[in-house]
């Protein structure tokens, strides 16, 4: 069964899930009736945690976990 497309926002350099880029993409998806996920990395922006405990590997695993959950319909 084909799945409707989902747009993701993963923050980057000087860009987070509450910034203008993320909010503009969310609004676009809302207008197009598209699923949208604003992702917040562990210990960034709105999420909890100690930044010094974060690693590139952990953040990548978190991204994959979220994308796999969407793919699996969760």
N, C-alpha and C. Protein backbone atom coordinates (compact mmCIF):
# COMPACT_ATOMS: atom_id res chain seq x y z
N UNK A 1 0.84 -1.17 0.00
CA UNK A 1 0.00 0.00 0.00
C UNK A 1 0.89 1.24 0.00
N UNK A 2 0.62 2.17 -0.89
CA UNK A 2 1.40 3.40 -0.98
C UNK A 2 1.07 4.33 0.17
N UNK A 3 2.09 5.01 0.64
CA UNK A 3 1.91 5.94 1.76
C UNK A 3 1.94 7.36 1.23
N UNK A 4 1.11 8.22 1.80
CA UNK A 4 1.15 9.63 1.44
C UNK A 4 2.51 10.20 1.83
N UNK A 5 3.01 11.14 1.05
CA UNK A 5 4.32 11.72 1.38
C UNK A 5 4.28 12.48 2.70
N UNK A 6 5.38 12.42 3.40
CA UNK A 6 5.56 13.14 4.66
C UNK A 6 6.76 14.05 4.50
N UNK A 7 6.61 15.30 4.88
CA UNK A 7 7.74 16.23 4.87
C UNK A 7 8.31 16.31 6.27
N UNK A 8 9.64 16.31 6.35
CA UNK A 8 10.34 16.40 7.62
C UNK A 8 11.16 17.68 7.67
N UNK A 9 11.26 18.25 8.85
CA UNK A 9 12.21 19.34 9.06
C UNK A 9 13.18 18.89 10.13
N UNK A 10 14.44 18.78 9.75
CA UNK A 10 15.53 18.50 10.67
C UNK A 10 16.37 19.76 10.74
N UNK A 11 16.48 20.33 11.92
CA UNK A 11 17.23 21.57 12.08
C UNK A 11 18.68 21.41 11.69
N UNK A 12 19.29 22.52 11.40
CA UNK A 12 20.70 22.52 11.04
C UNK A 12 21.38 23.74 11.62
N UNK A 13 22.45 24.12 11.03
CA UNK A 13 23.24 25.25 11.51
C UNK A 13 22.38 26.51 11.59
N UNK A 14 22.25 27.05 12.78
CA UNK A 14 21.48 28.27 13.04
C UNK A 14 20.02 28.13 12.59
N UNK A 15 19.49 26.93 12.71
CA UNK A 15 18.11 26.67 12.31
C UNK A 15 17.53 25.63 13.26
N UNK A 16 16.40 25.94 13.85
CA UNK A 16 15.79 24.99 14.77
C UNK A 16 14.31 24.83 14.46
N UNK A 17 13.66 23.94 15.21
CA UNK A 17 12.28 23.59 14.89
C UNK A 17 11.27 24.71 15.14
N UNK A 18 11.67 25.79 15.81
CA UNK A 18 10.77 26.91 16.04
C UNK A 18 11.16 28.13 15.21
N UNK A 19 12.10 27.97 14.31
CA UNK A 19 12.56 29.07 13.47
C UNK A 19 11.67 29.31 12.27
N UNK A 20 11.97 30.37 11.54
CA UNK A 20 11.14 30.78 10.41
C UNK A 20 11.09 29.76 9.29
N UNK A 21 12.19 29.06 9.03
CA UNK A 21 12.18 28.05 7.96
C UNK A 21 11.23 26.90 8.31
N UNK A 22 11.34 26.41 9.54
CA UNK A 22 10.48 25.30 9.97
C UNK A 22 9.02 25.70 9.96
N UNK A 23 8.73 26.89 10.45
CA UNK A 23 7.34 27.34 10.50
C UNK A 23 6.77 27.59 9.10
N UNK A 24 7.59 28.10 8.20
CA UNK A 24 7.13 28.32 6.82
C UNK A 24 6.84 26.99 6.13
N UNK A 25 7.70 26.00 6.33
CA UNK A 25 7.47 24.69 5.74
C UNK A 25 6.22 24.04 6.33
N UNK A 26 6.03 24.20 7.63
CA UNK A 26 4.82 23.66 8.26
C UNK A 26 3.56 24.30 7.66
N UNK A 27 3.58 25.59 7.48
CA UNK A 27 2.42 26.29 6.90
C UNK A 27 2.16 25.81 5.47
N UNK A 28 3.22 25.66 4.68
CA UNK A 28 3.08 25.16 3.31
C UNK A 28 2.42 23.77 3.33
N UNK A 29 2.91 22.89 4.18
CA UNK A 29 2.35 21.54 4.26
C UNK A 29 0.89 21.58 4.70
N UNK A 30 0.58 22.46 5.63
CA UNK A 30 -0.81 22.59 6.08
C UNK A 30 -1.71 23.01 4.91
N UNK A 31 -1.25 23.98 4.13
CA UNK A 31 -2.04 24.46 2.99
C UNK A 31 -2.20 23.38 1.92
N UNK A 32 -1.20 22.52 1.79
CA UNK A 32 -1.23 21.44 0.80
C UNK A 32 -1.82 20.15 1.37
N UNK A 33 -2.29 20.20 2.62
CA UNK A 33 -2.86 19.03 3.30
C UNK A 33 -1.88 17.85 3.30
N UNK A 34 -0.64 18.16 3.65
CA UNK A 34 0.45 17.18 3.70
C UNK A 34 0.88 16.93 5.13
N UNK A 35 1.25 15.72 5.42
CA UNK A 35 1.81 15.40 6.74
C UNK A 35 3.16 16.09 6.90
N UNK A 36 3.45 16.52 8.12
CA UNK A 36 4.67 17.27 8.38
C UNK A 36 5.18 16.95 9.77
N UNK A 37 6.50 16.78 9.89
CA UNK A 37 7.14 16.53 11.18
C UNK A 37 8.25 17.55 11.36
N UNK A 38 8.17 18.30 12.47
CA UNK A 38 9.28 19.18 12.87
C UNK A 38 10.05 18.42 13.93
N UNK A 39 11.28 18.09 13.63
CA UNK A 39 12.08 17.26 14.51
C UNK A 39 13.01 18.13 15.35
N UNK A 40 13.09 17.82 16.63
CA UNK A 40 13.97 18.52 17.56
C UNK A 40 14.95 17.53 18.14
N UNK A 41 16.21 17.73 17.87
CA UNK A 41 17.24 16.82 18.37
C UNK A 41 17.34 16.86 19.89
N UNK A 42 17.77 15.75 20.47
CA UNK A 42 18.04 15.66 21.90
C UNK A 42 18.92 16.84 22.33
N UNK A 43 18.47 17.52 23.39
CA UNK A 43 19.21 18.64 24.01
C UNK A 43 19.34 19.86 23.10
N UNK A 44 18.43 20.01 22.16
CA UNK A 44 18.39 21.19 21.29
C UNK A 44 17.05 21.91 21.50
N UNK A 45 17.03 23.16 21.21
CA UNK A 45 15.80 23.97 21.17
C UNK A 45 14.82 23.61 22.28
N UNK A 46 13.71 22.96 21.97
CA UNK A 46 12.65 22.67 22.94
C UNK A 46 12.84 21.36 23.69
N UNK A 47 13.71 20.49 23.22
CA UNK A 47 13.85 19.18 23.86
C UNK A 47 14.71 19.26 25.11
N UNK A 48 14.51 18.28 25.98
CA UNK A 48 15.28 18.25 27.21
C UNK A 48 16.58 17.48 27.00
N UNK A 49 17.42 17.53 27.98
CA UNK A 49 18.66 16.79 27.95
C UNK A 49 19.86 17.71 28.03
N UNK A 50 20.99 17.11 28.36
CA UNK A 50 22.24 17.83 28.48
C UNK A 50 22.98 17.72 27.14
N UNK A 51 23.21 18.86 26.51
CA UNK A 51 23.84 18.88 25.19
C UNK A 51 25.15 18.10 25.18
N UNK A 52 25.90 18.14 26.27
CA UNK A 52 27.19 17.44 26.29
C UNK A 52 27.03 15.93 26.25
N UNK A 53 25.81 15.42 26.47
CA UNK A 53 25.55 13.99 26.37
C UNK A 53 25.11 13.59 24.97
N UNK A 54 24.92 14.56 24.10
CA UNK A 54 24.50 14.27 22.73
C UNK A 54 25.70 13.97 21.85
N UNK A 55 25.46 13.16 20.85
CA UNK A 55 26.49 12.84 19.86
C UNK A 55 25.84 12.80 18.48
N UNK A 56 26.65 12.91 17.47
CA UNK A 56 26.14 12.80 16.10
C UNK A 56 25.42 11.46 15.93
N UNK A 57 26.01 10.40 16.45
CA UNK A 57 25.40 9.08 16.35
C UNK A 57 24.04 9.01 17.02
N UNK A 58 23.93 9.59 18.21
CA UNK A 58 22.64 9.57 18.92
C UNK A 58 21.60 10.34 18.13
N UNK A 59 21.97 11.52 17.63
CA UNK A 59 21.02 12.33 16.88
C UNK A 59 20.59 11.63 15.60
N UNK A 60 21.52 10.96 14.95
CA UNK A 60 21.17 10.20 13.74
C UNK A 60 20.22 9.05 14.07
N UNK A 61 20.49 8.35 15.16
CA UNK A 61 19.60 7.25 15.57
C UNK A 61 18.20 7.77 15.88
N UNK A 62 18.12 8.93 16.52
CA UNK A 62 16.81 9.52 16.81
C UNK A 62 16.05 9.85 15.52
N UNK A 63 16.75 10.41 14.54
CA UNK A 63 16.12 10.72 13.24
C UNK A 63 15.57 9.45 12.60
N UNK A 64 16.38 8.42 12.57
CA UNK A 64 15.98 7.15 11.95
C UNK A 64 14.79 6.54 12.68
N UNK A 65 14.80 6.63 14.00
CA UNK A 65 13.68 6.11 14.80
C UNK A 65 12.37 6.80 14.42
N UNK A 66 12.42 8.12 14.29
CA UNK A 66 11.21 8.88 13.92
C UNK A 66 10.77 8.53 12.50
N UNK A 67 11.71 8.52 11.56
CA UNK A 67 11.35 8.22 10.17
C UNK A 67 10.82 6.79 10.03
N UNK A 68 11.43 5.84 10.72
CA UNK A 68 10.93 4.46 10.67
C UNK A 68 9.55 4.35 11.28
N UNK A 69 9.29 5.10 12.34
CA UNK A 69 7.97 5.10 12.96
C UNK A 69 6.91 5.61 12.01
N UNK A 70 7.23 6.66 11.28
CA UNK A 70 6.29 7.20 10.28
C UNK A 70 6.06 6.17 9.18
N UNK A 71 7.15 5.61 8.71
CA UNK A 71 7.06 4.60 7.64
C UNK A 71 6.20 3.42 8.06
N UNK A 72 6.31 3.03 9.33
CA UNK A 72 5.55 1.90 9.84
C UNK A 72 4.14 2.27 10.28
N UNK A 73 3.77 3.54 10.09
CA UNK A 73 2.41 3.99 10.41
C UNK A 73 2.19 4.33 11.88
N UNK A 74 3.25 4.54 12.62
CA UNK A 74 3.12 4.86 14.05
C UNK A 74 3.04 6.35 14.28
